[in-house]
């Protein structure tokens, strides 16, 4: 999507696009932090959190595409 702000505020795609960007940014931040800490448990927490956030981002992308049965409009 080129500019989600061009969509009406009532359009869910305006919001899903913004949320996907934030989820991606946070996942990238977590992965950068993995390189900055020494504690293995913190590294695992940050990496696992990044994976969960990217999975959630993918769910938002699937909603936008309507690929999953759950997102089909009846």
PDB file of N, CA and C in Angstrom:
ATOM      1  N   UNK A   1       0.854  -1.173   0.000  1.00  0.00           N
ATOM      2  CA  UNK A   1       0.000   0.000   0.000  1.00  0.00           C
ATOM      3  C   UNK A   1       0.897   1.230   0.000  1.00  0.00           C
ATOM      4  N   UNK A   2       0.607   2.155  -0.885  1.00  0.00           N
ATOM      5  CA  UNK A   2       1.480   3.312  -1.042  1.00  0.00           C
ATOM      6  C   UNK A   2       1.340   4.299   0.108  1.00  0.00           C
ATOM      7  N   UNK A   3       0.142   4.815   0.362  1.00  0.00           N
ATOM      8  CA  UNK A   3      -0.042   5.774   1.450  1.00  0.00           C
ATOM      9  C   UNK A   3      -1.339   5.476   2.183  1.00  0.00           C
ATOM     10  N   UNK A   4      -1.232   4.788   3.322  1.00  0.00           N
ATOM     11  CA  UNK A   4      -2.450   4.444   4.054  1.00  0.00           C
ATOM     12  C   UNK A   4      -3.229   5.676   4.513  1.00  0.00           C
ATOM     13  N   UNK A   5      -2.548   6.799   4.668  1.00  0.00           N
ATOM     14  CA  UNK A   5      -3.238   8.010   5.104  1.00  0.00           C
ATOM     15  C   UNK A   5      -4.197   8.549   4.044  1.00  0.00           C
ATOM     16  N   UNK A   6      -4.042   8.098   2.813  1.00  0.00           N
ATOM     17  CA  UNK A   6      -4.943   8.528   1.744  1.00  0.00           C
ATOM     18  C   UNK A   6      -6.307   7.844   1.851  1.00  0.00           C
ATOM     19  N   UNK A   7      -6.362   6.764   2.619  1.00  0.00           N
ATOM     20  CA  UNK A   7      -7.623   6.038   2.798  1.00  0.00           C
ATOM     21  C   UNK A   7      -8.472   6.714   3.866  1.00  0.00           C
ATOM     22  N   UNK A   8      -9.784   6.554   3.796  1.00  0.00           N
ATOM     23  CA  UNK A   8     -10.640   7.117   4.845  1.00  0.00           C
ATOM     24  C   UNK A   8     -10.313   6.506   6.199  1.00  0.00           C
ATOM     25  N   UNK A   9     -10.490   7.258   7.247  1.00  0.00           N
ATOM     26  CA  UNK A   9     -10.161   6.781   8.586  1.00  0.00           C
ATOM     27  C   UNK A   9     -10.997   5.564   8.972  1.00  0.00           C
ATOM     28  N   UNK A  10     -12.148   5.402   8.359  1.00  0.00           N
ATOM     29  CA  UNK A  10     -13.008   4.254   8.657  1.00  0.00           C
ATOM     30  C   UNK A  10     -12.582   2.987   7.917  1.00  0.00           C
ATOM     31  N   UNK A  11     -11.638   3.095   6.998  1.00  0.00           N
ATOM     32  CA  UNK A  11     -11.173   1.939   6.224  1.00  0.00           C
ATOM     33  C   UNK A  11     -10.166   1.145   7.059  1.00  0.00           C
ATOM     34  N   UNK A  12     -10.453  -0.131   7.339  1.00  0.00           N
ATOM     35  CA  UNK A  12      -9.526  -0.937   8.136  1.00  0.00           C
ATOM     36  C   UNK A  12      -8.127  -1.024   7.531  1.00  0.00           C
ATOM     37  N   UNK A  13      -8.024  -0.964   6.202  1.00  0.00           N
ATOM     38  CA  UNK A  13      -6.714  -1.074   5.561  1.00  0.00           C
ATOM     39  C   UNK A  13      -5.796   0.088   5.931  1.00  0.00           C
ATOM     40  N   UNK A  14      -6.367   1.232   6.205  1.00  0.00           N
ATOM     41  CA  UNK A  14      -5.564   2.378   6.670  1.00  0.00           C
ATOM     42  C   UNK A  14      -4.836   1.999   7.956  1.00  0.00           C
ATOM     43  N   UNK A  15      -5.539   1.302   8.824  1.00  0.00           N
ATOM     44  CA  UNK A  15      -4.994   0.948  10.131  1.00  0.00           C
ATOM     45  C   UNK A  15      -4.100  -0.286  10.071  1.00  0.00           C
ATOM     46  N   UNK A  16      -4.493  -1.281   9.268  1.00  0.00           N
ATOM     47  CA  UNK A  16      -3.678  -2.493   9.194  1.00  0.00           C
ATOM     48  C   UNK A  16      -2.300  -2.194   8.607  1.00  0.00           C
ATOM     49  N   UNK A  17      -2.238  -1.302   7.642  1.00  0.00           N
ATOM     50  CA  UNK A  17      -0.944  -0.940   7.043  1.00  0.00           C
ATOM     51  C   UNK A  17      -0.035  -0.280   8.074  1.00  0.00           C
ATOM     52  N   UNK A  18      -0.587   0.620   8.859  1.00  0.00           N
ATOM     53  CA  UNK A  18       0.218   1.303   9.880  1.00  0.00           C
ATOM     54  C   UNK A  18       0.687   0.325  10.958  1.00  0.00           C
ATOM     55  N   UNK A  19      -0.194  -0.567  11.356  1.00  0.00           N
ATOM     56  CA  UNK A  19       0.160  -1.536  12.393  1.00  0.00           C
ATOM     57  C   UNK A  19       1.259  -2.465  11.890  1.00  0.00           C
ATOM     58  N   UNK A  20       1.173  -2.896  10.628  1.00  0.00           N
ATOM     59  CA  UNK A  20       2.221  -3.755  10.071  1.00  0.00           C
ATOM     60  C   UNK A  20       3.582  -3.067  10.120  1.00  0.00           C
ATOM     61  N   UNK A  21       3.606  -1.789   9.821  1.00  0.00           N
ATOM     62  CA  UNK A  21       4.865  -1.040   9.866  1.00  0.00           C
ATOM     63  C   UNK A  21       5.417  -1.007  11.281  1.00  0.00           C
ATOM     64  N   UNK A  22       4.557  -0.756  12.237  1.00  0.00           N
ATOM     65  CA  UNK A  22       5.016  -0.699  13.637  1.00  0.00           C
ATOM     66  C   UNK A  22       5.497  -2.050  14.130  1.00  0.00           C
ATOM     67  N   UNK A  23       4.789  -3.117  13.756  1.00  0.00           N
ATOM     68  CA  UNK A  23       5.221  -4.456  14.159  1.00  0.00           C
ATOM     69  C   UNK A  23       6.579  -4.793  13.560  1.00  0.00           C
ATOM     70  N   UNK A  24       6.781  -4.446  12.302  1.00  0.00           N
ATOM     71  CA  UNK A  24       8.068  -4.692  11.641  1.00  0.00           C
ATOM     72  C   UNK A  24       9.173  -3.892  12.331  1.00  0.00           C
ATOM     73  N   UNK A  25       8.913  -2.636  12.608  1.00  0.00           N
ATOM     74  CA  UNK A  25       9.912  -1.788  13.270  1.00  0.00           C
ATOM     75  C   UNK A  25      10.294  -2.348  14.634  1.00  0.00           C
ATOM     76  N   UNK A  26       9.304  -2.785  15.400  1.00  0.00           N
ATOM     77  CA  UNK A  26       9.587  -3.326  16.723  1.00  0.00           C
ATOM     78  C   UNK A  26      10.366  -4.637  16.629  1.00  0.00           C
ATOM     79  N   UNK A  27      10.012  -5.492  15.676  1.00  0.00           N
ATOM     80  CA  UNK A  27      10.746  -6.748  15.500  1.00  0.00           C
ATOM     81  C   UNK A  27      12.202  -6.473  15.126  1.00  0.00           C
ATOM     82  N   UNK A  28      12.420  -5.515  14.252  1.00  0.00           N
ATOM     83  CA  UNK A  28      13.796  -5.149  13.881  1.00  0.00           C
ATOM     84  C   UNK A  28      14.560  -4.601  15.075  1.00  0.00           C
ATOM     85  N   UNK A  29      13.902  -3.804  15.888  1.00  0.00           N
ATOM     86  CA  UNK A  29      14.536  -3.254  17.092  1.00  0.00           C
ATOM     87  C   UNK A  29      14.947  -4.392  18.028  1.00  0.00           C
ATOM     88  N   UNK A  30      14.053  -5.347  18.223  1.00  0.00           N
ATOM     89  CA  UNK A  30      14.370  -6.484  19.084  1.00  0.00           C
ATOM     90  C   UNK A  30      15.557  -7.269  18.549  1.00  0.00           C
ATOM     91  N   UNK A  31      15.611  -7.468  17.254  1.00  0.00           N
ATOM     92  CA  UNK A  31      16.722  -8.229  16.673  1.00  0.00           C
ATOM     93  C   UNK A  31      18.045  -7.466  16.787  1.00  0.00           C
ATOM     94  N   UNK A  32      17.994  -6.165  16.718  1.00  0.00           N
ATOM     95  CA  UNK A  32      19.202  -5.370  16.947  1.00  0.00           C
ATOM     96  C   UNK A  32      19.644  -5.486  18.403  1.00  0.00           C
ATOM     97  N   UNK A  33      18.674  -5.514  19.310  1.00  0.00           N
ATOM     98  CA  UNK A  33      19.003  -5.629  20.733  1.00  0.00           C
ATOM     99  C   UNK A  33      19.613  -6.984  21.076  1.00  0.00           C
ATOM    100  N   UNK A  34      19.276  -8.027  20.302  1.00  0.00           N
ATOM    101  CA  UNK A  34      19.881  -9.346  20.526  1.00  0.00           C
ATOM    102  C   UNK A  34      21.400  -9.225  20.434  1.00  0.00           C
ATOM    103  N   UNK A  35      21.877  -8.389  19.532  1.00  0.00           N
ATOM    104  CA  UNK A  35      23.316  -8.214  19.334  1.00  0.00           C
ATOM    105  C   UNK A  35      23.970  -7.399  20.448  1.00  0.00           C
ATOM    106  N   UNK A  36      23.167  -6.710  21.239  1.00  0.00           N
ATOM    107  CA  UNK A  36      23.697  -5.783  22.242  1.00  0.00           C
ATOM    108  C   UNK A  36      23.759  -6.367  23.650  1.00  0.00           C
ATOM    109  N   UNK A  37      23.068  -7.484  23.876  1.00  0.00           N
ATOM    110  CA  UNK A  37      23.048  -8.067  25.224  1.00  0.00           C
ATOM    111  C   UNK A  37      23.833  -9.371  25.226  1.00  0.00           C
ATOM    112  N   UNK A  38      24.326  -9.721  26.405  1.00  0.00           N
ATOM    113  CA  UNK A  38      25.115 -10.941  26.551  1.00  0.00           C
ATOM    114  C   UNK A  38      24.318 -12.100  27.142  1.00  0.00           C
ATOM    115  N   UNK A  39      23.283 -11.784  27.892  1.00  0.00           N
ATOM    116  CA  UNK A  39      22.537 -12.823  28.595  1.00  0.00           C
ATOM    117  C   UNK A  39      21.746 -13.694  27.609  1.00  0.00           C
ATOM    118  N   UNK A  40      21.983 -15.001  27.612  1.00  0.00           N
ATOM    119  CA  UNK A  40      21.294 -15.887  26.675  1.00  0.00           C
ATOM    120  C   UNK A  40      19.767 -15.850  26.797  1.00  0.00           C
ATOM    121  N   UNK A  41      19.267 -15.716  28.016  1.00  0.00           N
ATOM    122  CA  UNK A  41      17.819 -15.676  28.207  1.00  0.00           C
ATOM    123  C   UNK A  41      17.219 -14.429  27.574  1.00  0.00           C
ATOM    124  N   UNK A  42      17.899 -13.300  27.696  1.00  0.00           N
ATOM    125  CA  UNK A  42      17.416 -12.056  27.082  1.00  0.00           C
ATOM    126  C   UNK A  42      17.466 -12.171  25.562  1.00  0.00           C
ATOM    127  N   UNK A  43      18.543 -12.747  25.053  1.00  0.00           N
ATOM    128  CA  UNK A  43      18.640 -12.951  23.603  1.00  0.00           C
ATOM    129  C   UNK A  43      17.475 -13.797  23.102  1.00  0.00           C
ATOM    130  N   UNK A  44      17.171 -14.882  23.819  1.00  0.00           N
ATOM    131  CA  UNK A  44      16.073 -15.767  23.435  1.00  0.00           C
ATOM    132  C   UNK A  44      14.731 -15.040  23.517  1.00  0.00           C
ATOM    133  N   UNK A  45      14.551 -14.256  24.566  1.00  0.00           N
ATOM    134  CA  UNK A  45      13.317 -13.491  24.720  1.00  0.00           C
ATOM    135  C   UNK A  45      13.135 -12.514  23.569  1.00  0.00           C
ATOM    136  N   UNK A  46      14.181 -11.783  23.226  1.00  0.00           N
ATOM    137  CA  UNK A  46      14.093 -10.785  22.160  1.00  0.00           C
ATOM    138  C   UNK A  46      13.840 -11.448  20.802  1.00  0.00           C
ATOM    139  N   UNK A  47      14.547 -12.541  20.528  1.00  0.00           N
ATOM    140  CA  UNK A  47      14.375 -13.220  19.247  1.00  0.00           C
ATOM    141  C   UNK A  47      12.988 -13.851  19.138  1.00  0.00           C
ATOM    142  N   UNK A  48      12.540 -14.481  20.217  1.00  0.00           N
ATOM    143  CA  UNK A  48      11.206 -15.070  20.220  1.00  0.00           C
ATOM    144  C   UNK A  48      10.142 -13.998  20.044  1.00  0.00           C
ATOM    145  N   UNK A  49      10.310 -12.888  20.719  1.00  0.00           N
ATOM    146  CA  UNK A  49       9.353 -11.780  20.590  1.00  0.00           C
ATOM    147  C   UNK A  49       9.312 -11.259  19.163  1.00  0.00           C
ATOM    148  N   UNK A  50      10.474 -11.140  18.535  1.00  0.00           N
ATOM    149  CA  UNK A  50      10.528 -10.683  17.141  1.00  0.00           C
ATOM    150  C   UNK A  50       9.771 -11.650  16.235  1.00  0.00           C
ATOM    151  N   UNK A  51       9.952 -12.942  16.443  1.00  0.00           N
ATOM    152  CA  UNK A  51       9.254 -13.939  15.623  1.00  0.00           C
ATOM    153  C   UNK A  51       7.739 -13.852  15.800  1.00  0.00           C
ATOM    154  N   UNK A  52       7.294 -13.675  17.040  1.00  0.00           N
ATOM    155  CA  UNK A  52       5.861 -13.565  17.308  1.00  0.00           C
ATOM    156  C   UNK A  52       5.290 -12.319  16.623  1.00  0.00           C
ATOM    157  N   UNK A  53       6.003 -11.210  16.727  1.00  0.00           N
ATOM    158  CA  UNK A  53       5.531  -9.968  16.110  1.00  0.00           C
ATOM    159  C   UNK A  53       5.459 -10.087  14.593  1.00  0.00           C
ATOM    160  N   UNK A  54       6.431 -10.761  13.993  1.00  0.00           N
ATOM    161  CA  UNK A  54       6.404 -10.940  12.537  1.00  0.00           C
ATOM    162  C   UNK A  54       5.270 -11.876  12.119  1.00  0.00           C
ATOM    163  N   UNK A  55       4.976 -12.856  12.947  1.00  0.00           N
ATOM    164  CA  UNK A  55       3.829 -13.707  12.674  1.00  0.00           C
ATOM    165  C   UNK A  55       2.529 -12.922  12.733  1.00  0.00           C
ATOM    166  N   UNK A  56       2.431 -12.039  13.700  1.00  0.00           N
ATOM    167  CA  UNK A  56       1.257 -11.181  13.814  1.00  0.00           C
ATOM    168  C   UNK A  56       1.166 -10.232  12.619  1.00  0.00           C
ATOM    169  N   UNK A  57       2.311  -9.697  12.209  1.00  0.00           N
ATOM    170  CA  UNK A  57       2.327  -8.838  11.022  1.00  0.00           C
ATOM    171  C   UNK A  57       1.812  -9.599   9.802  1.00  0.00           C
ATOM    172  N   UNK A  58       2.217 -10.857   9.681  1.00  0.00           N
ATOM    173  CA  UNK A  58       1.756 -11.674   8.565  1.00  0.00           C
ATOM    174  C   UNK A  58       0.242 -11.892   8.622  1.00  0.00           C
ATOM    175  N   UNK A  59      -0.302 -12.007   9.819  1.00  0.00           N
ATOM    176  CA  UNK A  59      -1.754 -12.141   9.953  1.00  0.00           C
ATOM    177  C   UNK A  59      -2.454 -10.882   9.445  1.00  0.00           C
ATOM    178  N   UNK A  60      -1.896  -9.718   9.734  1.00  0.00           N
ATOM    179  CA  UNK A  60      -2.463  -8.466   9.226  1.00  0.00           C
ATOM    180  C   UNK A  60      -2.365  -8.414   7.695  1.00  0.00           C
ATOM    181  N   UNK A  61      -1.244  -8.873   7.153  1.00  0.00           N
ATOM    182  CA  UNK A  61      -1.073  -8.889   5.695  1.00  0.00           C
ATOM    183  C   UNK A  61      -2.074  -9.855   5.051  1.00  0.00           C
ATOM    184  N   UNK A  62      -2.278 -11.011   5.684  1.00  0.00           N
ATOM    185  CA  UNK A  62      -3.257 -11.969   5.169  1.00  0.00           C
ATOM    186  C   UNK A  62      -4.659 -11.372   5.189  1.00  0.00           C
ATOM    187  N   UNK A  63      -4.964 -10.626   6.236  1.00  0.00           N
ATOM    188  CA  UNK A  63      -6.265  -9.954   6.304  1.00  0.00           C
ATOM    189  C   UNK A  63      -6.429  -9.004   5.117  1.00  0.00           C
ATOM    190  N   UNK A  64      -5.384  -8.222   4.841  1.00  0.00           N
ATOM    191  CA  UNK A  64      -5.451  -7.272   3.733  1.00  0.00           C
ATOM    192  C   UNK A  64      -5.687  -7.978   2.399  1.00  0.00           C
ATOM    193  N   UNK A  65      -5.029  -9.123   2.215  1.00  0.00           N
ATOM    194  CA  UNK A  65      -5.142  -9.867   0.960  1.00  0.00           C
ATOM    195  C   UNK A  65      -6.392 -10.729   0.914  1.00  0.00           C
ATOM    196  N   UNK A  66      -6.970 -11.004   2.087  1.00  0.00           N
ATOM    197  CA  UNK A  66      -8.139 -11.877   2.148  1.00  0.00           C
ATOM    198  C   UNK A  66      -7.813 -13.326   1.853  1.00  0.00           C
ATOM    199  N   UNK A  67      -6.541 -13.716   2.076  1.00  0.00           N
ATOM    200  CA  UNK A  67      -6.082 -15.066   1.748  1.00  0.00           C
ATOM    201  C   UNK A  67      -6.629 -16.158   2.654  1.00  0.00           C
ATOM    202  N   UNK A  68      -6.853 -15.849   3.887  1.00  0.00           N
ATOM    203  CA  UNK A  68      -7.275 -16.859   4.845  1.00  0.00           C
ATOM    204  C   UNK A  68      -8.805 -16.929   4.903  1.00  0.00           C
ATOM    205  N   UNK A  69      -9.327 -18.130   5.143  1.00  0.00           N
ATOM    206  CA  UNK A  69     -10.775 -18.292   5.236  1.00  0.00           C
ATOM    207  C   UNK A  69     -11.385 -17.369   6.292  1.00  0.00           C
ATOM    208  N   UNK A  70     -10.675 -17.182   7.381  1.00  0.00           N
ATOM    209  CA  UNK A  70     -11.203 -16.349   8.480  1.00  0.00           C
ATOM    210  C   UNK A  70     -11.419 -14.911   8.051  1.00  0.00           C
ATOM    211  N   UNK A  71     -10.710 -14.462   7.027  1.00  0.00           N
ATOM    212  CA  UNK A  71     -10.806 -13.063   6.607  1.00  0.00           C
ATOM    213  C   UNK A  71     -11.750 -12.868   5.430  1.00  0.00           C
ATOM    214  N   UNK A  72     -12.396 -13.926   4.994  1.00  0.00           N
ATOM    215  CA  UNK A  72     -13.319 -13.819   3.870  1.00  0.00           C
ATOM    216  C   UNK A  72     -14.593 -13.121   4.315  1.00  0.00           C
ATOM    217  N   UNK A  73     -15.054 -12.203   3.490  1.00  0.00           N
ATOM    218  CA  UNK A  73     -16.310 -11.507   3.764  1.00  0.00           C
ATOM    219  C   UNK A  73     -17.453 -12.335   3.217  1.00  0.00           C
ATOM    220  N   UNK A  74     -18.450 -12.541   4.033  1.00  0.00           N
ATOM    221  CA  UNK A  74     -19.595 -13.365   3.603  1.00  0.00           C
ATOM    222  C   UNK A  74     -20.662 -12.509   2.976  1.00  0.00           C
TER     223      UNK A  74
END
